[in-house]
N, C-alpha and C. Protein backbone atom coordinates (compact mmCIF):
# COMPACT_ATOMS: atom_id res chain seq x y z
N MET A 1 2.42 70.03 -104.07
CA MET A 1 3.18 69.33 -103.06
C MET A 1 4.43 70.12 -102.68
N LYS A 2 5.13 70.67 -103.70
CA LYS A 2 6.32 71.46 -103.43
C LYS A 2 5.97 72.71 -102.62
N LEU A 3 4.81 73.27 -102.90
CA LEU A 3 4.37 74.45 -102.18
C LEU A 3 4.14 74.13 -100.70
N LEU A 4 3.60 72.95 -100.42
CA LEU A 4 3.37 72.53 -99.04
C LEU A 4 4.69 72.40 -98.28
N PHE A 5 5.68 71.76 -98.92
CA PHE A 5 6.98 71.62 -98.28
C PHE A 5 7.67 72.96 -98.09
N LEU A 6 7.52 73.85 -99.06
CA LEU A 6 8.10 75.18 -98.95
C LEU A 6 7.46 75.96 -97.80
N ALA A 7 6.14 75.85 -97.68
CA ALA A 7 5.44 76.53 -96.60
C ALA A 7 5.84 75.94 -95.24
N LEU A 8 5.98 74.62 -95.18
CA LEU A 8 6.39 73.96 -93.94
C LEU A 8 7.82 74.36 -93.57
N ALA A 9 8.72 74.44 -94.54
CA ALA A 9 10.09 74.86 -94.28
C ALA A 9 10.14 76.30 -93.78
N ALA A 10 9.33 77.16 -94.39
CA ALA A 10 9.29 78.56 -93.95
C ALA A 10 8.74 78.67 -92.53
N LEU A 11 7.74 77.85 -92.21
CA LEU A 11 7.17 77.86 -90.87
C LEU A 11 8.19 77.40 -89.84
N LEU A 12 8.94 76.36 -90.16
CA LEU A 12 9.96 75.87 -89.22
C LEU A 12 11.09 76.88 -89.05
N ALA A 13 11.46 77.56 -90.12
CA ALA A 13 12.53 78.55 -90.04
C ALA A 13 12.13 79.73 -89.16
N THR A 14 10.88 80.13 -89.22
CA THR A 14 10.45 81.27 -88.40
C THR A 14 10.09 80.86 -86.99
N SER A 15 9.75 79.59 -86.78
CA SER A 15 9.31 79.18 -85.45
C SER A 15 10.47 79.08 -84.47
N THR A 16 11.70 78.84 -84.94
CA THR A 16 12.81 78.74 -84.01
C THR A 16 13.10 80.08 -83.36
N ASP A 17 13.02 81.17 -84.12
CA ASP A 17 13.24 82.49 -83.55
C ASP A 17 12.11 82.88 -82.62
N SER A 18 10.89 82.59 -83.02
CA SER A 18 9.74 82.97 -82.19
C SER A 18 9.64 82.11 -80.95
N SER A 19 10.07 80.84 -81.01
CA SER A 19 9.99 79.99 -79.82
C SER A 19 11.00 80.47 -78.78
N ALA A 20 12.16 80.94 -79.21
CA ALA A 20 13.12 81.49 -78.25
C ALA A 20 12.55 82.72 -77.58
N ALA A 21 11.86 83.55 -78.35
CA ALA A 21 11.24 84.75 -77.78
C ALA A 21 10.13 84.38 -76.81
N VAL A 22 9.38 83.32 -77.14
CA VAL A 22 8.31 82.88 -76.25
C VAL A 22 8.89 82.39 -74.93
N PHE A 23 9.95 81.58 -74.99
CA PHE A 23 10.54 81.07 -73.76
C PHE A 23 11.20 82.18 -72.95
N ASP A 24 11.78 83.17 -73.61
CA ASP A 24 12.33 84.31 -72.88
C ASP A 24 11.22 85.08 -72.18
N SER A 25 10.09 85.21 -72.84
CA SER A 25 8.94 85.90 -72.24
C SER A 25 8.41 85.12 -71.04
N VAL A 26 8.30 83.80 -71.19
CA VAL A 26 7.83 82.97 -70.08
C VAL A 26 8.81 83.05 -68.90
N LYS A 27 10.10 83.05 -69.19
CA LYS A 27 11.11 83.13 -68.13
C LYS A 27 11.00 84.46 -67.39
N SER A 28 10.87 85.56 -68.13
CA SER A 28 10.80 86.87 -67.47
C SER A 28 9.51 87.00 -66.66
N LYS A 29 8.39 86.47 -67.18
CA LYS A 29 7.13 86.51 -66.44
C LYS A 29 7.22 85.67 -65.17
N GLY A 30 7.88 84.52 -65.26
CA GLY A 30 8.06 83.66 -64.09
C GLY A 30 8.91 84.33 -63.02
N GLU A 31 9.99 85.00 -63.46
CA GLU A 31 10.84 85.72 -62.50
C GLU A 31 10.07 86.86 -61.83
N ASP A 32 9.29 87.59 -62.62
CA ASP A 32 8.48 88.67 -62.04
C ASP A 32 7.46 88.14 -61.05
N LEU A 33 6.83 87.03 -61.39
CA LEU A 33 5.85 86.42 -60.49
C LEU A 33 6.50 85.99 -59.18
N PHE A 34 7.67 85.36 -59.28
CA PHE A 34 8.38 84.91 -58.08
C PHE A 34 8.74 86.09 -57.18
N LYS A 35 9.25 87.17 -57.78
CA LYS A 35 9.63 88.34 -56.99
C LYS A 35 8.42 88.98 -56.32
N ASN A 36 7.29 89.06 -57.04
CA ASN A 36 6.10 89.67 -56.46
C ASN A 36 5.50 88.81 -55.36
N VAL A 37 5.46 87.50 -55.56
CA VAL A 37 4.94 86.61 -54.52
C VAL A 37 5.85 86.64 -53.30
N LYS A 38 7.15 86.69 -53.54
CA LYS A 38 8.12 86.75 -52.44
C LYS A 38 7.90 88.01 -51.60
N THR A 39 7.64 89.13 -52.24
CA THR A 39 7.38 90.37 -51.52
C THR A 39 6.12 90.26 -50.68
N ILE A 40 5.07 89.69 -51.25
CA ILE A 40 3.82 89.53 -50.50
C ILE A 40 4.01 88.61 -49.31
N VAL A 41 4.73 87.52 -49.49
CA VAL A 41 4.95 86.58 -48.39
C VAL A 41 5.78 87.23 -47.29
N PHE A 42 6.77 88.04 -47.66
CA PHE A 42 7.56 88.73 -46.64
C PHE A 42 6.70 89.71 -45.84
N VAL A 43 5.78 90.40 -46.50
CA VAL A 43 4.90 91.33 -45.79
C VAL A 43 3.99 90.57 -44.82
N VAL A 44 3.39 89.49 -45.29
CA VAL A 44 2.52 88.69 -44.43
C VAL A 44 3.34 88.06 -43.30
N GLY A 45 4.55 87.62 -43.60
CA GLY A 45 5.44 87.08 -42.57
C GLY A 45 5.80 88.12 -41.54
N GLY A 46 5.94 89.36 -41.96
CA GLY A 46 6.20 90.45 -41.01
C GLY A 46 5.04 90.63 -40.04
N PHE A 47 3.81 90.53 -40.56
CA PHE A 47 2.65 90.59 -39.67
C PHE A 47 2.65 89.41 -38.70
N GLY A 48 3.06 88.25 -39.18
CA GLY A 48 3.16 87.08 -38.31
C GLY A 48 4.18 87.28 -37.21
N LEU A 49 5.31 87.90 -37.55
CA LEU A 49 6.32 88.18 -36.53
C LEU A 49 5.81 89.17 -35.50
N VAL A 50 5.04 90.16 -35.95
CA VAL A 50 4.44 91.12 -35.01
C VAL A 50 3.46 90.39 -34.09
N GLY A 51 2.66 89.48 -34.65
CA GLY A 51 1.74 88.70 -33.84
C GLY A 51 2.46 87.84 -32.83
N LEU A 52 3.56 87.23 -33.22
CA LEU A 52 4.34 86.42 -32.28
C LEU A 52 4.99 87.30 -31.22
N ALA A 53 5.39 88.52 -31.58
CA ALA A 53 5.96 89.44 -30.59
C ALA A 53 4.90 89.81 -29.56
N CYS A 54 3.66 90.03 -30.01
CA CYS A 54 2.57 90.32 -29.05
C CYS A 54 2.33 89.12 -28.15
N GLY A 55 2.41 87.93 -28.71
CA GLY A 55 2.28 86.72 -27.89
C GLY A 55 3.40 86.60 -26.87
N ALA A 56 4.60 87.04 -27.26
CA ALA A 56 5.74 86.99 -26.33
C ALA A 56 5.53 87.98 -25.19
N ILE A 57 4.91 89.13 -25.47
CA ILE A 57 4.64 90.11 -24.42
C ILE A 57 3.70 89.53 -23.38
N PHE A 58 2.70 88.79 -23.83
CA PHE A 58 1.72 88.23 -22.91
C PHE A 58 2.06 86.83 -22.45
N GLY A 59 3.20 86.31 -22.87
CA GLY A 59 3.66 85.01 -22.39
C GLY A 59 2.97 83.82 -23.04
N THR A 60 2.41 83.99 -24.20
CA THR A 60 1.71 82.88 -24.87
C THR A 60 2.29 82.60 -26.25
N VAL A 61 3.59 82.54 -26.33
CA VAL A 61 4.25 82.30 -27.62
C VAL A 61 4.16 80.81 -27.96
N LYS A 62 3.73 80.53 -29.15
CA LYS A 62 3.76 79.16 -29.66
C LYS A 62 5.09 79.00 -30.40
N TRP A 63 6.06 78.38 -29.75
CA TRP A 63 7.40 78.31 -30.30
C TRP A 63 7.44 77.49 -31.58
N LYS A 64 6.54 76.54 -31.74
CA LYS A 64 6.48 75.77 -32.98
C LYS A 64 6.09 76.68 -34.14
N TRP A 65 5.16 77.58 -33.92
CA TRP A 65 4.76 78.54 -34.96
C TRP A 65 5.93 79.47 -35.30
N PHE A 66 6.63 79.92 -34.25
CA PHE A 66 7.77 80.82 -34.48
C PHE A 66 8.84 80.12 -35.33
N ALA A 67 9.16 78.87 -34.98
CA ALA A 67 10.18 78.13 -35.73
C ALA A 67 9.72 77.91 -37.17
N SER A 68 8.45 77.57 -37.35
CA SER A 68 7.94 77.36 -38.70
C SER A 68 8.02 78.63 -39.54
N LEU A 69 7.63 79.74 -38.94
CA LEU A 69 7.67 81.02 -39.66
C LEU A 69 9.11 81.43 -39.97
N ALA A 70 10.00 81.29 -39.02
CA ALA A 70 11.39 81.69 -39.23
C ALA A 70 12.06 80.83 -40.30
N ILE A 71 11.85 79.53 -40.25
CA ILE A 71 12.46 78.63 -41.24
C ILE A 71 11.86 78.87 -42.62
N GLY A 72 10.55 79.07 -42.69
CA GLY A 72 9.90 79.33 -43.97
C GLY A 72 10.39 80.62 -44.61
N LEU A 73 10.53 81.68 -43.82
CA LEU A 73 11.03 82.95 -44.36
C LEU A 73 12.50 82.83 -44.78
N ALA A 74 13.28 82.06 -44.03
CA ALA A 74 14.69 81.87 -44.40
C ALA A 74 14.82 81.11 -45.71
N ILE A 75 14.00 80.07 -45.88
CA ILE A 75 14.03 79.31 -47.14
C ILE A 75 13.61 80.19 -48.31
N LEU A 76 12.58 80.98 -48.10
CA LEU A 76 12.12 81.87 -49.17
C LEU A 76 13.18 82.92 -49.51
N ALA A 77 13.92 83.38 -48.51
CA ALA A 77 14.94 84.40 -48.74
C ALA A 77 16.08 83.87 -49.61
N VAL A 78 16.44 82.60 -49.46
CA VAL A 78 17.56 82.06 -50.22
C VAL A 78 17.13 81.29 -51.47
N ALA A 79 15.83 81.13 -51.67
CA ALA A 79 15.35 80.33 -52.81
C ALA A 79 15.81 80.91 -54.15
N GLY A 80 15.72 82.21 -54.31
CA GLY A 80 16.15 82.82 -55.57
C GLY A 80 17.62 82.61 -55.84
N ALA A 81 18.45 82.74 -54.81
CA ALA A 81 19.89 82.54 -54.98
C ALA A 81 20.21 81.09 -55.33
N ILE A 82 19.50 80.15 -54.74
CA ILE A 82 19.74 78.74 -55.04
C ILE A 82 19.35 78.43 -56.48
N VAL A 83 18.21 78.93 -56.91
CA VAL A 83 17.77 78.70 -58.29
C VAL A 83 18.75 79.34 -59.27
N ASP A 84 19.21 80.55 -58.99
CA ASP A 84 20.20 81.19 -59.86
C ASP A 84 21.50 80.40 -59.92
N TYR A 85 21.95 79.90 -58.78
CA TYR A 85 23.20 79.14 -58.74
C TYR A 85 23.08 77.87 -59.57
N VAL A 86 21.96 77.18 -59.45
CA VAL A 86 21.79 75.91 -60.15
C VAL A 86 21.59 76.12 -61.65
N THR A 87 20.84 77.14 -62.04
CA THR A 87 20.50 77.29 -63.46
C THR A 87 21.44 78.19 -64.23
N GLU A 88 22.13 79.10 -63.58
CA GLU A 88 22.98 80.04 -64.32
C GLU A 88 24.47 79.80 -64.11
N ALA A 89 24.84 78.59 -63.85
CA ALA A 89 26.26 78.21 -63.75
C ALA A 89 26.95 78.94 -62.63
N GLY A 90 26.78 78.45 -61.42
CA GLY A 90 27.48 79.02 -60.27
C GLY A 90 28.98 78.87 -60.38
N ALA A 91 29.42 77.85 -61.09
CA ALA A 91 30.85 77.62 -61.34
C ALA A 91 31.01 77.29 -62.82
N PRO A 92 32.18 77.54 -63.38
CA PRO A 92 32.38 77.23 -64.81
C PRO A 92 32.13 75.76 -65.10
N GLY A 93 31.41 75.51 -66.16
CA GLY A 93 31.17 74.12 -66.54
C GLY A 93 29.83 73.59 -66.04
N PHE A 94 29.19 74.30 -65.16
CA PHE A 94 27.88 73.86 -64.67
C PHE A 94 26.81 74.72 -65.29
N GLY A 95 25.62 74.18 -65.38
CA GLY A 95 24.52 74.96 -65.93
C GLY A 95 23.46 74.07 -66.53
N ASP A 96 22.61 74.67 -67.29
CA ASP A 96 21.52 73.96 -67.94
C ASP A 96 22.08 73.06 -69.02
N THR A 97 21.59 71.84 -69.08
CA THR A 97 22.11 70.89 -70.06
C THR A 97 21.32 70.87 -71.35
N LEU A 98 20.25 71.65 -71.42
CA LEU A 98 19.42 71.60 -72.64
C LEU A 98 19.96 72.52 -73.69
């Protein structure tokens, strides 16, 4: 019985260090994924802007599509800064509560 408790205590002592490493790994992978997806969306959005420019040349611009694309790209451009501000203490005293 003592051996079981000793093994459980050793497991708990080592799991706190490894769980922090796991969450750091998940955080870094999430940040990399966000940056890569953001790059792909900007490239596809650039093609959309070229398509809308061609529509403007021929007088067939769908202004609703243009507004949707422009607003979507603007939101994506500032999304990282907003997440950083909220989670990494944009001002002293603010930040993650966990």
